[in-house]
Amino acid sequence: MDSAEQVRNAANLLVDHFSAGRVKDYFACFTLDADFIFYTHPERLASRAAYEELWKTWETDFGFKVNSCKSSNQAIKIVNSNLAIFTHDVTTSITNNDGTDTVRERETIVFSLEGDRWLAIHEHLSPAS
């Protein structure tokens, strides 16, 4: 299996875990020092732990839950043997205290080969235009 296929599999696994609400498995797709930029949050999150804390806040304070997530328009750029950039469009159904909504976004995830596994080291989420 070539690197692009491995990265696609890692990205699809990450999305599958997110979509199914398997939060622990979802976060395991990121390195501990991964960072995150979300247009819905005012500052960059500098670690996976920071994102996990924010996620808990969303669940506790806002009743946040992912119902489903679909990835489309996927593209992969292999930078070198240990680094790849994955981009895609995501359509996510979420529930919170205000009800259920569908959110359309674009996302960039940078993957690094850690041993024999591609893990996400950076995620940047933007609203779809």
C-alpha atoms as a PDB file:
ATOM      1  CA  MET A   1       0.000   0.000   0.000  1.00  0.00           C
ATOM      2  CA  ASP A   2       1.464   3.378  -0.976  1.00  0.00           C
ATOM      3  CA  SER A   3       1.690   6.408   1.324  1.00  0.00           C
ATOM      4  CA  ALA A   4      -1.311   8.210  -0.176  1.00  0.00           C
ATOM      5  CA  GLU A   5      -3.516   5.180   0.418  1.00  0.00           C
ATOM      6  CA  GLN A   6      -2.223   4.855   3.986  1.00  0.00           C
ATOM      7  CA  VAL A   7      -2.984   8.527   4.655  1.00  0.00           C
ATOM      8  CA  ARG A   8      -6.462   8.187   3.120  1.00  0.00           C
ATOM      9  CA  ASN A   9      -7.115   5.180   5.375  1.00  0.00           C
ATOM     10  CA  ALA A  10      -5.900   7.106   8.450  1.00  0.00           C
ATOM     11  CA  ALA A  11      -8.094  10.090   7.553  1.00  0.00           C
ATOM     12  CA  ASN A  12     -11.135   7.910   6.897  1.00  0.00           C
ATOM     13  CA  LEU A  13     -10.619   6.146  10.232  1.00  0.00           C
ATOM     14  CA  LEU A  14     -10.434   9.517  12.005  1.00  0.00           C
ATOM     15  CA  VAL A  15     -13.680  10.638  10.304  1.00  0.00           C
ATOM     16  CA  ASP A  16     -15.374   7.298  11.054  1.00  0.00           C
ATOM     17  CA  HIS A  17     -14.540   7.590  14.761  1.00  0.00           C
ATOM     18  CA  PHE A  18     -15.746  11.219  14.821  1.00  0.00           C
ATOM     19  CA  SER A  19     -18.944  10.336  12.960  1.00  0.00           C
ATOM     20  CA  ALA A  20     -19.775   7.416  15.253  1.00  0.00           C
ATOM     21  CA  GLY A  21     -19.133   9.386  18.443  1.00  0.00           C
ATOM     22  CA  ARG A  22     -16.188   7.199  19.432  1.00  0.00           C
ATOM     23  CA  VAL A  23     -14.472  10.143  21.118  1.00  0.00           C
ATOM     24  CA  LYS A  24     -11.584   8.213  22.707  1.00  0.00           C
ATOM     25  CA  ASP A  25     -10.751   6.501  19.389  1.00  0.00           C
ATOM     26  CA  TYR A  26     -11.106   9.823  17.534  1.00  0.00           C
ATOM     27  CA  PHE A  27      -8.594  11.559  19.797  1.00  0.00           C
ATOM     28  CA  ALA A  28      -6.208   8.589  19.479  1.00  0.00           C
ATOM     29  CA  CYS A  29      -5.845   9.550  15.791  1.00  0.00           C
ATOM     30  CA  PHE A  30      -3.905  12.671  16.877  1.00  0.00           C
ATOM     31  CA  THR A  31      -0.437  13.015  18.391  1.00  0.00           C
ATOM     32  CA  LEU A  32      -0.305  14.438  21.913  1.00  0.00           C
ATOM     33  CA  ASP A  33       1.291  17.651  20.592  1.00  0.00           C
ATOM     34  CA  ALA A  34      -1.140  18.116  17.698  1.00  0.00           C
ATOM     35  CA  ASP A  35      -2.580  21.601  17.394  1.00  0.00           C
ATOM     36  CA  PHE A  36      -5.993  22.760  16.222  1.00  0.00           C
ATOM     37  CA  ILE A  37      -7.468  25.870  14.642  1.00  0.00           C
ATOM     38  CA  PHE A  38     -11.248  26.137  14.623  1.00  0.00           C
ATOM     39  CA  TYR A  39     -13.093  29.146  13.239  1.00  0.00           C
ATOM     40  CA  THR A  40     -15.634  28.646  16.040  1.00  0.00           C
ATOM     41  CA  HIS A  41     -13.013  29.059  18.766  1.00  0.00           C
ATOM     42  CA  PRO A  42     -11.056  32.283  19.406  1.00  0.00           C
ATOM     43  CA  GLU A  43      -7.601  30.796  19.920  1.00  0.00           C
ATOM     44  CA  ARG A  44      -5.383  28.017  18.625  1.00  0.00           C
ATOM     45  CA  LEU A  45      -5.439  24.873  20.738  1.00  0.00           C
ATOM     46  CA  ALA A  46      -1.815  23.882  21.301  1.00  0.00           C
ATOM     47  CA  SER A  47      -2.321  20.221  22.254  1.00  0.00           C
ATOM     48  CA  ARG A  48      -4.641  17.264  22.021  1.00  0.00           C
ATOM     49  CA  ALA A  49      -5.366  17.647  25.750  1.00  0.00           C
ATOM     50  CA  ALA A  50      -6.556  21.218  25.179  1.00  0.00           C
ATOM     51  CA  TYR A  51      -8.941  20.012  22.463  1.00  0.00           C
ATOM     52  CA  GLU A  52     -10.178  17.172  24.686  1.00  0.00           C
ATOM     53  CA  GLU A  53     -10.962  19.696  27.434  1.00  0.00           C
ATOM     54  CA  LEU A  54     -12.807  21.934  24.965  1.00  0.00           C
ATOM     55  CA  TRP A  55     -14.772  18.916  23.707  1.00  0.00           C
ATOM     56  CA  LYS A  56     -15.824  18.069  27.301  1.00  0.00           C
ATOM     57  CA  THR A  57     -16.979  21.665  27.725  1.00  0.00           C
ATOM     58  CA  TRP A  58     -19.050  21.443  24.534  1.00  0.00           C
ATOM     59  CA  GLU A  59     -20.692  18.251  25.809  1.00  0.00           C
ATOM     60  CA  THR A  60     -21.312  19.526  29.346  1.00  0.00           C
ATOM     61  CA  ASP A  61     -22.307  23.131  28.650  1.00  0.00           C
ATOM     62  CA  PHE A  62     -23.993  22.822  25.268  1.00  0.00           C
ATOM     63  CA  GLY A  63     -25.169  19.196  25.000  1.00  0.00           C
ATOM     64  CA  PHE A  64     -22.869  18.705  21.992  1.00  0.00           C
ATOM     65  CA  LYS A  65     -23.083  15.395  20.136  1.00  0.00           C
ATOM     66  CA  VAL A  66     -22.014  14.344  16.645  1.00  0.00           C
ATOM     67  CA  ASN A  67     -24.757  12.417  14.836  1.00  0.00           C
ATOM     68  CA  SER A  68     -22.929  11.797  11.567  1.00  0.00           C
ATOM     69  CA  CYS A  69     -20.134  13.137   9.378  1.00  0.00           C
ATOM     70  CA  LYS A  70     -19.507  12.650   5.680  1.00  0.00           C
ATOM     71  CA  SER A  71     -16.215  13.402   3.951  1.00  0.00           C
ATOM     72  CA  SER A  72     -16.058  14.359   0.280  1.00  0.00           C
ATOM     73  CA  ASN A  73     -13.745  16.025  -2.208  1.00  0.00           C
ATOM     74  CA  GLN A  74     -10.709  14.403  -0.588  1.00  0.00           C
ATOM     75  CA  ALA A  75      -7.194  15.328  -1.720  1.00  0.00           C
ATOM     76  CA  ILE A  76      -3.822  14.159  -0.440  1.00  0.00           C
ATOM     77  CA  LYS A  77      -0.446  15.783  -0.935  1.00  0.00           C
ATOM     78  CA  ILE A  78       2.542  13.716   0.125  1.00  0.00           C
ATOM     79  CA  VAL A  79       5.183  16.224   1.240  1.00  0.00           C
ATOM     80  CA  ASN A  80       7.893  13.669   2.004  1.00  0.00           C
ATOM     81  CA  SER A  81       8.121  10.127   3.357  1.00  0.00           C
ATOM     82  CA  ASN A  82       6.931  11.256   6.809  1.00  0.00           C
ATOM     83  CA  LEU A  83       4.533  14.144   6.130  1.00  0.00           C
ATOM     84  CA  ALA A  84       1.246  14.469   4.237  1.00  0.00           C
ATOM     85  CA  ILE A  85      -1.521  17.044   3.876  1.00  0.00           C
ATOM     86  CA  PHE A  86      -5.102  15.837   3.651  1.00  0.00           C
ATOM     87  CA  THR A  87      -7.925  18.182   2.644  1.00  0.00           C
ATOM     88  CA  HIS A  88     -11.635  17.517   2.318  1.00  0.00           C
ATOM     89  CA  ASP A  89     -15.133  18.896   2.669  1.00  0.00           C
ATOM     90  CA  VAL A  90     -17.178  17.681   5.618  1.00  0.00           C
ATOM     91  CA  THR A  91     -20.905  17.692   6.207  1.00  0.00           C
ATOM     92  CA  THR A  92     -21.669  17.045   9.856  1.00  0.00           C
ATOM     93  CA  SER A  93     -24.958  16.580  11.658  1.00  0.00           C
ATOM     94  CA  ILE A  94     -24.686  17.757  15.263  1.00  0.00           C
ATOM     95  CA  THR A  95     -27.040  18.053  18.180  1.00  0.00           C
ATOM     96  CA  ASN A  96     -26.761  20.600  20.958  1.00  0.00           C
ATOM     97  CA  ASN A  97     -29.099  22.322  23.399  1.00  0.00           C
ATOM     98  CA  ASP A  98     -30.612  24.283  20.489  1.00  0.00           C
ATOM     99  CA  GLY A  99     -31.533  21.159  18.497  1.00  0.00           C
ATOM    100  CA  THR A 100     -30.028  19.429  15.478  1.00  0.00           C
ATOM    101  CA  ASP A 101     -28.102  21.218  12.746  1.00  0.00           C
ATOM    102  CA  THR A 102     -26.085  20.358   9.658  1.00  0.00           C
ATOM    103  CA  VAL A 103     -22.719  22.075   9.333  1.00  0.00           C
ATOM    104  CA  ARG A 104     -20.716  22.265   6.092  1.00  0.00           C
ATOM    105  CA  GLU A 105     -17.003  22.892   6.467  1.00  0.00           C
ATOM    106  CA  ARG A 106     -13.621  22.509   4.811  1.00  0.00           C
ATOM    107  CA  GLU A 107     -10.804  20.910   6.676  1.00  0.00           C
ATOM    108  CA  THR A 108      -7.054  20.494   6.381  1.00  0.00           C
ATOM    109  CA  ILE A 109      -5.340  17.791   8.403  1.00  0.00           C
ATOM    110  CA  VAL A 110      -1.570  17.376   8.419  1.00  0.00           C
ATOM    111  CA  PHE A 111      -0.432  13.806   9.050  1.00  0.00           C
ATOM    112  CA  SER A 112       2.962  12.600  10.229  1.00  0.00           C
ATOM    113  CA  LEU A 113       4.237   9.044   9.997  1.00  0.00           C
ATOM    114  CA  GLU A 114       4.811   7.989  13.613  1.00  0.00           C
ATOM    115  CA  GLY A 115       6.459   4.563  13.542  1.00  0.00           C
ATOM    116  CA  ASP A 116       4.202   2.577  11.223  1.00  0.00           C
ATOM    117  CA  ARG A 117       1.101   4.752  11.743  1.00  0.00           C
ATOM    118  CA  TRP A 118      -0.026   8.017  10.179  1.00  0.00           C
ATOM    119  CA  LEU A 119      -1.284  10.343  12.938  1.00  0.00           C
ATOM    120  CA  ALA A 120      -2.727  13.825  12.674  1.00  0.00           C
ATOM    121  CA  ILE A 121      -0.434  16.595  13.942  1.00  0.00           C
ATOM    122  CA  HIS A 122      -2.496  19.624  12.847  1.00  0.00           C
ATOM    123  CA  GLU A 123      -6.141  20.296  12.042  1.00  0.00           C
ATOM    124  CA  HIS A 124      -7.569  23.489  10.569  1.00  0.00           C
ATOM    125  CA  LEU A 125     -11.322  23.839  10.113  1.00  0.00           C
ATOM    126  CA  SER A 126     -13.024  26.547   8.042  1.00  0.00           C
ATOM    127  CA  PRO A 127     -16.643  27.225   7.117  1.00  0.00           C
ATOM    128  CA  ALA A 128     -17.575  26.134   3.602  1.00  0.00           C
ATOM    129  CA  SER A 129     -18.253  29.108   1.396  1.00  0.00           C
END
